[in-house]
C-alpha atoms as a PDB file:
ATOM      1  CA  MET A   1     -12.431 -15.486 -41.566  1.00  0.00           C
ATOM      2  CA  LEU A   2     -16.048 -14.589 -40.583  1.00  0.00           C
ATOM      3  CA  LEU A   3     -17.544 -11.582 -42.188  1.00  0.00           C
ATOM      4  CA  HIS A   4     -20.561 -10.350 -40.608  1.00  0.00           C
ATOM      5  CA  GLY A   5     -22.612  -7.106 -39.966  1.00  0.00           C
ATOM      6  CA  GLY A   6     -22.945  -6.222 -43.797  1.00  0.00           C
ATOM      7  CA  ARG A   7     -25.860  -6.717 -46.191  1.00  0.00           C
ATOM      8  CA  ILE A   8     -25.296  -9.940 -48.234  1.00  0.00           C
ATOM      9  CA  PHE A   9     -26.260 -10.519 -51.665  1.00  0.00           C
ATOM     10  CA  ASP A  10     -25.837 -14.090 -52.545  1.00  0.00           C
ATOM     11  CA  GLY A  11     -26.192 -13.651 -56.600  1.00  0.00           C
ATOM     12  CA  GLU A  12     -29.917 -14.260 -56.199  1.00  0.00           C
ATOM     13  CA  ALA A  13     -31.438 -12.303 -53.506  1.00  0.00           C
ATOM     14  CA  LEU A  14     -30.514  -9.839 -50.731  1.00  0.00           C
ATOM     15  CA  LEU A  15     -30.477 -11.679 -47.482  1.00  0.00           C
ATOM     16  CA  PRO A  16     -32.120 -10.750 -44.452  1.00  0.00           C
ATOM     17  CA  PRO A  17     -29.955  -8.751 -41.788  1.00  0.00           C
ATOM     18  CA  GLY A  18     -27.992 -10.852 -39.437  1.00  0.00           C
ATOM     19  CA  TRP A  19     -26.353 -13.267 -41.682  1.00  0.00           C
ATOM     20  CA  ALA A  20     -22.597 -14.039 -41.975  1.00  0.00           C
ATOM     21  CA  VAL A  21     -20.123 -15.530 -44.515  1.00  0.00           C
ATOM     22  CA  LEU A  22     -17.238 -17.975 -43.322  1.00  0.00           C
ATOM     23  CA  VAL A  23     -14.208 -17.920 -45.484  1.00  0.00           C
ATOM     24  CA  GLU A  24     -11.689 -20.475 -45.385  1.00  0.00           C
ATOM     25  CA  GLY A  25      -8.643 -19.990 -47.603  1.00  0.00           C
ATOM     26  CA  GLU A  26      -9.874 -18.729 -50.875  1.00  0.00           C
ATOM     27  CA  GLN A  27     -13.180 -20.474 -50.666  1.00  0.00           C
ATOM     28  CA  ILE A  28     -16.657 -19.492 -49.270  1.00  0.00           C
ATOM     29  CA  ALA A  29     -17.075 -22.242 -46.718  1.00  0.00           C
ATOM     30  CA  ALA A  30     -20.613 -21.191 -45.216  1.00  0.00           C
ATOM     31  CA  LEU A  31     -23.359 -18.642 -45.434  1.00  0.00           C
ATOM     32  CA  ALA A  32     -25.625 -18.677 -42.670  1.00  0.00           C
ATOM     33  CA  PRO A  33     -27.426 -16.617 -39.813  1.00  0.00           C
ATOM     34  CA  LEU A  34     -24.840 -15.100 -37.491  1.00  0.00           C
ATOM     35  CA  ASP A  35     -25.971 -17.425 -34.709  1.00  0.00           C
ATOM     36  CA  HIS A  36     -25.040 -20.402 -36.674  1.00  0.00           C
ATOM     37  CA  PHE A  37     -21.307 -19.542 -35.828  1.00  0.00           C
ATOM     38  CA  ALA A  38     -21.543 -19.102 -32.134  1.00  0.00           C
ATOM     39  CA  GLY A  39     -18.863 -21.422 -31.472  1.00  0.00           C
ATOM     40  CA  TYR A  40     -16.531 -19.966 -34.201  1.00  0.00           C
ATOM     41  CA  ALA A  41     -13.149 -19.077 -32.626  1.00  0.00           C
ATOM     42  CA  GLY A  42     -11.227 -17.514 -35.718  1.00  0.00           C
ATOM     43  CA  PRO A  43     -10.761 -14.331 -36.872  1.00  0.00           C
ATOM     44  CA  ARG A  44     -13.882 -11.920 -37.426  1.00  0.00           C
ATOM     45  CA  ARG A  45     -14.513  -8.918 -39.485  1.00  0.00           C
ATOM     46  CA  ASP A  46     -17.399  -6.495 -38.907  1.00  0.00           C
ATOM     47  CA  THR A  47     -18.782  -5.257 -42.262  1.00  0.00           C
ATOM     48  CA  THR A  48     -21.389  -3.095 -40.859  1.00  0.00           C
ATOM     49  CA  GLY A  49     -22.398  -0.661 -43.587  1.00  0.00           C
ATOM     50  CA  GLN A  50     -20.766  -2.408 -46.466  1.00  0.00           C
ATOM     51  CA  PRO A  51     -22.347  -4.865 -49.119  1.00  0.00           C
ATOM     52  CA  LEU A  52     -21.158  -8.347 -49.372  1.00  0.00           C
ATOM     53  CA  LEU A  53     -21.763 -10.374 -52.713  1.00  0.00           C
ATOM     54  CA  PRO A  54     -19.772 -12.910 -54.609  1.00  0.00           C
ATOM     55  CA  GLY A  55     -17.054 -11.603 -56.994  1.00  0.00           C
ATOM     56  CA  LEU A  56     -18.279 -10.094 -60.200  1.00  0.00           C
ATOM     57  CA  ILE A  57     -16.969 -11.831 -63.575  1.00  0.00           C
ATOM     58  CA  ASP A  58     -16.194  -9.378 -66.625  1.00  0.00           C
ATOM     59  CA  CYS A  59     -16.666 -11.620 -69.660  1.00  0.00           C
ATOM     60  CA  HIS A  60     -15.339  -8.768 -72.306  1.00  0.00           C
ATOM     61  CA  ALA A  61     -12.648  -6.543 -71.251  1.00  0.00           C
ATOM     62  CA  HIS A  62      -9.644  -5.083 -73.076  1.00  0.00           C
ATOM     63  CA  LEU A  63      -7.149  -4.253 -70.435  1.00  0.00           C
ATOM     64  CA  THR A  64      -4.838  -2.096 -72.792  1.00  0.00           C
ATOM     65  CA  LEU A  65      -7.662   0.397 -73.400  1.00  0.00           C
ATOM     66  CA  SER A  66      -9.248   3.101 -71.202  1.00  0.00           C
ATOM     67  CA  GLY A  67     -12.840   3.049 -71.990  1.00  0.00           C
ATOM     68  CA  ASP A  68     -13.055   6.046 -73.951  1.00  0.00           C
ATOM     69  CA  MET A  69     -13.818   6.356 -77.544  1.00  0.00           C
ATOM     70  CA  ASP A  70     -10.254   6.376 -78.767  1.00  0.00           C
ATOM     71  CA  GLY A  71      -9.771   2.535 -79.283  1.00  0.00           C
ATOM     72  CA  PHE A  72      -6.793   0.871 -79.955  1.00  0.00           C
ATOM     73  CA  VAL A  73      -5.623   3.525 -82.618  1.00  0.00           C
ATOM     74  CA  GLY A  74      -5.375   6.074 -79.952  1.00  0.00           C
ATOM     75  CA  ALA A  75      -3.913   3.832 -77.355  1.00  0.00           C
ATOM     76  CA  LEU A  76      -1.071   2.838 -79.794  1.00  0.00           C
ATOM     77  CA  GLY A  77      -0.365   6.668 -80.490  1.00  0.00           C
ATOM     78  CA  ARG A  78      -0.104   7.738 -76.674  1.00  0.00           C
ATOM     79  CA  PHE A  79       1.638   4.681 -75.129  1.00  0.00           C
ATOM     80  CA  SER A  80       4.668   2.577 -75.575  1.00  0.00           C
ATOM     81  CA  ARG A  81       4.526  -1.325 -75.334  1.00  0.00           C
ATOM     82  CA  PRO A  82       6.062  -0.912 -71.872  1.00  0.00           C
ATOM     83  CA  GLY A  83       3.367   2.011 -70.980  1.00  0.00           C
ATOM     84  CA  LEU A  84       0.563  -0.252 -72.118  1.00  0.00           C
ATOM     85  CA  THR A  85       1.586  -3.174 -69.973  1.00  0.00           C
ATOM     86  CA  LEU A  86       1.525  -0.770 -67.024  1.00  0.00           C
ATOM     87  CA  ARG A  87      -1.920   0.565 -68.168  1.00  0.00           C
ATOM     88  CA  ALA A  88      -3.341  -3.087 -68.378  1.00  0.00           C
ATOM     89  CA  LEU A  89      -2.133  -3.890 -64.799  1.00  0.00           C
ATOM     90  CA  GLU A  90      -3.554  -0.571 -63.535  1.00  0.00           C
ATOM     91  CA  ASN A  91      -6.899  -1.468 -65.277  1.00  0.00           C
ATOM     92  CA  ALA A  92      -6.926  -4.895 -63.838  1.00  0.00           C
ATOM     93  CA  GLN A  93      -6.260  -3.801 -60.316  1.00  0.00           C
ATOM     94  CA  ALA A  94      -9.010  -0.887 -60.779  1.00  0.00           C
ATOM     95  CA  CYS A  95     -11.377  -3.906 -61.688  1.00  0.00           C
ATOM     96  CA  LEU A  96     -10.429  -5.766 -58.821  1.00  0.00           C
ATOM     97  CA  ARG A  97     -11.221  -2.808 -56.315  1.00  0.00           C
ATOM     98  CA  GLY A  98     -14.633  -2.624 -58.149  1.00  0.00           C
ATOM     99  CA  GLY A  99     -15.604  -6.131 -57.088  1.00  0.00           C
ATOM    100  CA  ILE A 100     -14.457  -7.896 -60.312  1.00  0.00           C
ATOM    101  CA  THR A 101     -12.630 -11.046 -59.366  1.00  0.00           C
ATOM    102  CA  ALA A 102     -12.256 -12.753 -62.788  1.00  0.00           C
ATOM    103  CA  MET A 103     -12.135 -11.432 -66.329  1.00  0.00           C
ATOM    104  CA  ARG A 104     -11.563 -12.125 -69.814  1.00  0.00           C
ATOM    105  CA  ASP A 105      -9.640  -9.882 -72.004  1.00  0.00           C
ATOM    106  CA  CYS A 106     -10.913 -10.280 -75.581  1.00  0.00           C
ATOM    107  CA  GLY A 107      -7.931  -8.779 -77.504  1.00  0.00           C
ATOM    108  CA  GLY A 108      -4.906  -6.827 -76.697  1.00  0.00           C
ATOM    109  CA  VAL A 109      -1.839  -5.378 -78.167  1.00  0.00           C
ATOM    110  CA  ASP A 110       1.266  -7.430 -79.004  1.00  0.00           C
ATOM    111  CA  HIS A 111       0.407  -9.882 -76.094  1.00  0.00           C
ATOM    112  CA  VAL A 112       1.419  -7.394 -73.337  1.00  0.00           C
ATOM    113  CA  GLU A 113      -1.796  -8.338 -71.523  1.00  0.00           C
ATOM    114  CA  MET A 114      -0.422 -11.828 -71.116  1.00  0.00           C
ATOM    115  CA  ALA A 115       2.463 -10.656 -68.751  1.00  0.00           C
ATOM    116  CA  VAL A 116      -0.248  -9.007 -66.484  1.00  0.00           C
ATOM    117  CA  ARG A 117      -2.397 -12.042 -66.625  1.00  0.00           C
ATOM    118  CA  ASP A 118       0.638 -14.150 -65.521  1.00  0.00           C
ATOM    119  CA  ALA A 119       1.647 -11.481 -62.712  1.00  0.00           C
ATOM    120  CA  CYS A 120      -2.064 -11.385 -61.488  1.00  0.00           C
ATOM    121  CA  ASN A 121      -2.795 -15.174 -61.753  1.00  0.00           C
ATOM    122  CA  SER A 122       0.574 -16.052 -60.013  1.00  0.00           C
ATOM    123  CA  GLY A 123      -0.026 -13.705 -57.161  1.00  0.00           C
ATOM    124  CA  ARG A 124       3.067 -11.579 -57.939  1.00  0.00           C
ATOM    125  CA  PHE A 125       0.600  -8.677 -58.177  1.00  0.00           C
ATOM    126  CA  LEU A 126      -2.848  -8.069 -56.801  1.00  0.00           C
ATOM    127  CA  GLY A 127      -5.462  -8.388 -59.431  1.00  0.00           C
ATOM    128  CA  PRO A 128      -8.399 -10.399 -60.644  1.00  0.00           C
ATOM    129  CA  THR A 129      -8.138 -14.076 -62.224  1.00  0.00           C
ATOM    130  CA  ILE A 130      -7.611 -13.214 -65.975  1.00  0.00           C
ATOM    131  CA  ARG A 131      -7.923 -14.962 -69.205  1.00  0.00           C
ATOM    132  CA  VAL A 132      -6.856 -13.625 -72.445  1.00  0.00           C
ATOM    133  CA  ALA A 133      -7.388 -13.955 -76.255  1.00  0.00           C
ATOM    134  CA  GLY A 134      -4.161 -12.610 -77.277  1.00  0.00           C
ATOM    135  CA  ARG A 135      -4.338 -10.890 -80.662  1.00  0.00           C
ATOM    136  CA  CYS A 136      -7.583 -10.614 -82.391  1.00  0.00           C
ATOM    137  CA  ILE A 137      -7.595 -12.250 -85.776  1.00  0.00           C
ATOM    138  CA  CYS A 138      -8.958 -10.166 -88.533  1.00  0.00           C
ATOM    139  CA  MET A 139      -9.090  -9.899 -92.298  1.00  0.00           C
ATOM    140  CA  THR A 140      -6.950  -7.301 -94.350  1.00  0.00           C
ATOM    141  CA  GLY A 141      -8.516  -3.849 -93.504  1.00  0.00           C
ATOM    142  CA  GLY A 142     -10.710  -5.429 -90.744  1.00  0.00           C
ATOM    143  CA  THR A 143     -11.821  -4.508 -87.393  1.00  0.00           C
ATOM    144  CA  ASN A 144      -8.845  -3.646 -85.001  1.00  0.00           C
ATOM    145  CA  ALA A 145      -6.483  -4.152 -87.931  1.00  0.00           C
ATOM    146  CA  ALA A 146      -4.126  -1.959 -86.101  1.00  0.00           C
ATOM    147  CA  VAL A 147      -3.316  -4.294 -83.578  1.00  0.00           C
ATOM    148  CA  ALA A 148      -4.886  -7.724 -84.910  1.00  0.00           C
ATOM    149  CA  ARG A 149      -3.233 -10.664 -86.448  1.00  0.00           C
ATOM    150  CA  ILE A 150      -4.248 -10.098 -90.192  1.00  0.00           C
ATOM    151  CA  ALA A 151      -5.255 -13.224 -91.719  1.00  0.00           C
ATOM    152  CA  ASP A 152      -6.997 -13.857 -95.233  1.00  0.00           C
ATOM    153  CA  GLY A 153      -8.324 -17.236 -96.251  1.00  0.00           C
ATOM    154  CA  PRO A 154      -8.870 -20.485 -94.091  1.00  0.00           C
ATOM    155  CA  ASP A 155      -5.264 -21.589 -94.240  1.00  0.00           C
ATOM    156  CA  GLU A 156      -3.800 -18.340 -93.091  1.00  0.00           C
ATOM    157  CA  ILE A 157      -6.662 -18.125 -90.343  1.00  0.00           C
ATOM    158  CA  VAL A 158      -5.424 -21.583 -89.008  1.00  0.00           C
ATOM    159  CA  LYS A 159      -1.927 -20.392 -88.905  1.00  0.00           C
ATOM    160  CA  ALA A 160      -2.900 -17.429 -86.955  1.00  0.00           C
ATOM    161  CA  VAL A 161      -4.831 -19.261 -84.390  1.00  0.00           C
ATOM    162  CA  ARG A 162      -1.776 -21.531 -83.868  1.00  0.00           C
ATOM    163  CA  GLU A 163       0.233 -18.370 -83.201  1.00  0.00           C
ATOM    164  CA  GLN A 164      -1.974 -17.300 -80.580  1.00  0.00           C
ATOM    165  CA  VAL A 165      -2.102 -20.823 -78.838  1.00  0.00           C
ATOM    166  CA  GLN A 166       1.848 -20.772 -79.103  1.00  0.00           C
ATOM    167  CA  ALA A 167       1.903 -17.116 -77.574  1.00  0.00           C
ATOM    168  CA  GLY A 168      -0.350 -18.523 -74.500  1.00  0.00           C
ATOM    169  CA  SER A 169      -3.834 -17.427 -75.347  1.00  0.00           C
ATOM    170  CA  ASP A 170      -6.762 -19.011 -73.077  1.00  0.00           C
ATOM    171  CA  CYS A 171      -9.293 -18.571 -75.837  1.00  0.00           C
ATOM    172  CA  ILE A 172      -9.285 -17.037 -79.605  1.00  0.00           C
ATOM    173  CA  LYS A 173     -11.031 -14.122 -80.833  1.00  0.00           C
ATOM    174  CA  LEU A 174     -12.359 -13.745 -84.398  1.00  0.00           C
ATOM    175  CA  MET A 175     -13.513 -10.781 -85.952  1.00  0.00           C
ATOM    176  CA  ALA A 176     -16.679 -11.386 -87.860  1.00  0.00           C
ATOM    177  CA  SER A 177     -18.114  -7.824 -88.804  1.00  0.00           C
ATOM    178  CA  GLY A 178     -17.030  -4.171 -88.737  1.00  0.00           C
ATOM    179  CA  GLY A 179     -16.864  -2.206 -85.391  1.00  0.00           C
ATOM    180  CA  VAL A 180     -17.518   1.173 -84.077  1.00  0.00           C
ATOM    181  CA  LEU A 181     -14.187   1.967 -82.904  1.00  0.00           C
ATOM    182  CA  SER A 182     -12.249   0.887 -86.139  1.00  0.00           C
ATOM    183  CA  PRO A 183     -12.019   3.872 -88.863  1.00  0.00           C
ATOM    184  CA  GLY A 184     -13.117   2.545 -92.177  1.00  0.00           C
ATOM    185  CA  THR A 185     -15.396  -0.348 -91.316  1.00  0.00           C
ATOM    186  CA  ASP A 186     -19.042  -0.663 -91.172  1.00  0.00           C
ATOM    187  CA  VAL A 187     -20.644  -2.786 -88.551  1.00  0.00           C
ATOM    188  CA  ASP A 188     -23.023  -4.190 -91.149  1.00  0.00           C
ATOM    189  CA  ASP A 189     -20.037  -5.617 -93.101  1.00  0.00           C
ATOM    190  CA  ALA A 190     -19.440  -9.409 -92.630  1.00  0.00           C
ATOM    191  CA  GLN A 191     -15.754  -9.406 -92.600  1.00  0.00           C
ATOM    192  CA  TYR A 192     -15.058 -13.288 -92.799  1.00  0.00           C
ATOM    193  CA  THR A 193     -16.762 -15.902 -94.827  1.00  0.00           C
ATOM    194  CA  PRO A 194     -18.507 -18.749 -93.075  1.00  0.00           C
ATOM    195  CA  ALA A 195     -15.729 -21.005 -94.456  1.00  0.00           C
ATOM    196  CA  GLU A 196     -12.996 -18.840 -92.972  1.00  0.00           C
ATOM    197  CA  LEU A 197     -14.753 -18.531 -89.542  1.00  0.00           C
ATOM    198  CA  ALA A 198     -15.482 -22.414 -89.573  1.00  0.00           C
ATOM    199  CA  ALA A 199     -11.550 -22.973 -90.261  1.00  0.00           C
ATOM    200  CA  GLY A 200     -10.687 -20.803 -87.265  1.00  0.00           C
ATOM    201  CA  VAL A 201     -13.111 -22.470 -85.016  1.00  0.00           C
ATOM    202  CA  ALA A 202     -11.997 -26.078 -85.953  1.00  0.00           C
ATOM    203  CA  GLU A 203      -8.477 -25.083 -85.268  1.00  0.00           C
ATOM    204  CA  ALA A 204      -9.044 -23.582 -81.854  1.00  0.00           C
ATOM    205  CA  ARG A 205     -11.161 -26.766 -80.741  1.00  0.00           C
ATOM    206  CA  ARG A 206      -8.191 -29.029 -81.838  1.00  0.00           C
ATOM    207  CA  PHE A 207      -6.212 -27.089 -79.001  1.00  0.00           C
ATOM    208  CA  GLY A 208      -9.124 -26.916 -76.684  1.00  0.00           C
ATOM    209  CA  LYS A 209      -9.607 -23.274 -76.821  1.00  0.00           C
ATOM    210  CA  PRO A 210     -13.095 -21.552 -76.894  1.00  0.00           C
ATOM    211  CA  VAL A 211     -13.696 -19.136 -79.745  1.00  0.00           C
ATOM    212  CA  ALA A 212     -15.296 -15.803 -79.195  1.00  0.00           C
ATOM    213  CA  SER A 213     -16.327 -13.728 -82.100  1.00  0.00           C
ATOM    214  CA  HIS A 214     -16.838  -9.957 -82.553  1.00  0.00           C
ATOM    215  CA  ALA A 215     -19.995  -9.734 -84.375  1.00  0.00           C
ATOM    216  CA  ILE A 216     -22.310  -6.592 -84.656  1.00  0.00           C
ATOM    217  CA  GLY A 217     -24.073  -6.850 -87.793  1.00  0.00           C
ATOM    218  CA  ALA A 218     -26.980  -9.380 -88.684  1.00  0.00           C
ATOM    219  CA  THR A 219     -24.682 -11.219 -91.288  1.00  0.00           C
ATOM    220  CA  GLY A 220     -21.550 -11.345 -89.185  1.00  0.00           C
ATOM    221  CA  ILE A 221     -23.708 -12.554 -86.418  1.00  0.00           C
ATOM    222  CA  LEU A 222     -25.263 -15.369 -88.437  1.00  0.00           C
ATOM    223  CA  ASN A 223     -21.934 -16.355 -90.206  1.00  0.00           C
ATOM    224  CA  ALA A 224     -20.334 -16.622 -86.577  1.00  0.00           C
ATOM    225  CA  ALA A 225     -22.961 -18.715 -85.289  1.00  0.00           C
ATOM    226  CA  LEU A 226     -23.116 -20.983 -87.982  1.00  0.00           C
ATOM    227  CA  ALA A 227     -19.346 -21.451 -87.642  1.00  0.00           C
ATOM    228  CA  GLY A 228     -19.995 -22.713 -84.117  1.00  0.00           C
ATOM    229  CA  VAL A 229     -18.132 -20.047 -81.975  1.00  0.00           C
ATOM    230  CA  ASP A 230     -18.734 -20.426 -78.282  1.00  0.00           C
ATOM    231  CA  SER A 231     -19.784 -16.784 -77.658  1.00  0.00           C
ATOM    232  CA  VAL A 232     -20.874 -13.825 -80.035  1.00  0.00           C
ATOM    233  CA  GLU A 233     -19.503 -10.522 -78.554  1.00  0.00           C
ATOM    234  CA  HIS A 234     -22.014  -7.661 -78.863  1.00  0.00           C
ATOM    235  CA  GLY A 235     -24.660  -9.242 -81.157  1.00  0.00           C
ATOM    236  CA  VAL A 236     -26.482  -5.929 -81.475  1.00  0.00           C
ATOM    237  CA  PHE A 237     -28.296  -6.872 -84.657  1.00  0.00           C
ATOM    238  CA  LEU A 238     -29.465 -10.248 -83.779  1.00  0.00           C
ATOM    239  CA  THR A 239     -32.278 -11.652 -85.899  1.00  0.00           C
ATOM    240  CA  ASP A 240     -34.594 -14.735 -85.333  1.00  0.00           C
ATOM    241  CA  GLU A 241     -32.479 -16.703 -87.730  1.00  0.00           C
ATOM    242  CA  SER A 242     -29.259 -16.090 -85.847  1.00  0.00           C
ATOM    243  CA  ILE A 243     -30.941 -16.731 -82.570  1.00  0.00           C
ATOM    244  CA  ARG A 244     -32.078 -20.260 -83.734  1.00  0.00           C
ATOM    245  CA  ALA A 245     -28.566 -20.942 -85.022  1.00  0.00           C
ATOM    246  CA  MET A 246     -26.882 -19.895 -81.665  1.00  0.00           C
ATOM    247  CA  LEU A 247     -29.493 -22.017 -79.832  1.00  0.00           C
ATOM    248  CA  GLU A 248     -28.666 -25.131 -81.934  1.00  0.00           C
ATOM    249  CA  ARG A 249     -25.069 -25.014 -81.469  1.00  0.00           C
ATOM    250  CA  GLY A 250     -24.978 -23.793 -77.887  1.00  0.00           C
ATOM    251  CA  THR A 251     -23.426 -20.275 -78.720  1.00  0.00           C
ATOM    252  CA  VAL A 252     -24.035 -17.646 -76.175  1.00  0.00           C
END
């Protein structure tokens, strides 16, 4: 399929008018001025008046939520598990319509988002490519405790990681600080010790799973970075010390 007529953004710059994109199967095969494809005999589509750009990637989503401030507690009060599954599918398809072709769900409800991932990734339903963390892992009384796998101490955290791997998680989510949508928590609170976080990271590594860590407050961010997580989610109150620790360990 040759797409031509629309303005093209290639991920770095807006290209001059008159360029076209050749798509073969699921791959972009060529990007060049339209004259370059003079001998192309396949199907064409005029996209005049429409923008063309590479698919967007949403690195942090919660498909079972709505985007409002009710969080997981509100969602649990309004939807059954089948209802949450349908909501997750609706949200995934809405993301695709908005140009998001790949996304990472950073914590769901009882693994219902895994069914949506499998349905979209297999092509049974239209949707973006999805990776999921499964249930967040938090301490007793911690962030997202209403839906998380509650685990205290290194040994219990190791078990919780194994449970997410068994369920089919693509990555692991550890909650290192309080959150704004979890009643009774404070973003400045560090909710796991460095030793607890390190145990979770080590076990995830054993299974080849990357680790994302919810961390808003300064101490939680530093603890997550020192534990070697792959990504700090939110990172609102970053300090120079945390930045150095992240750079040293390749954390993003």
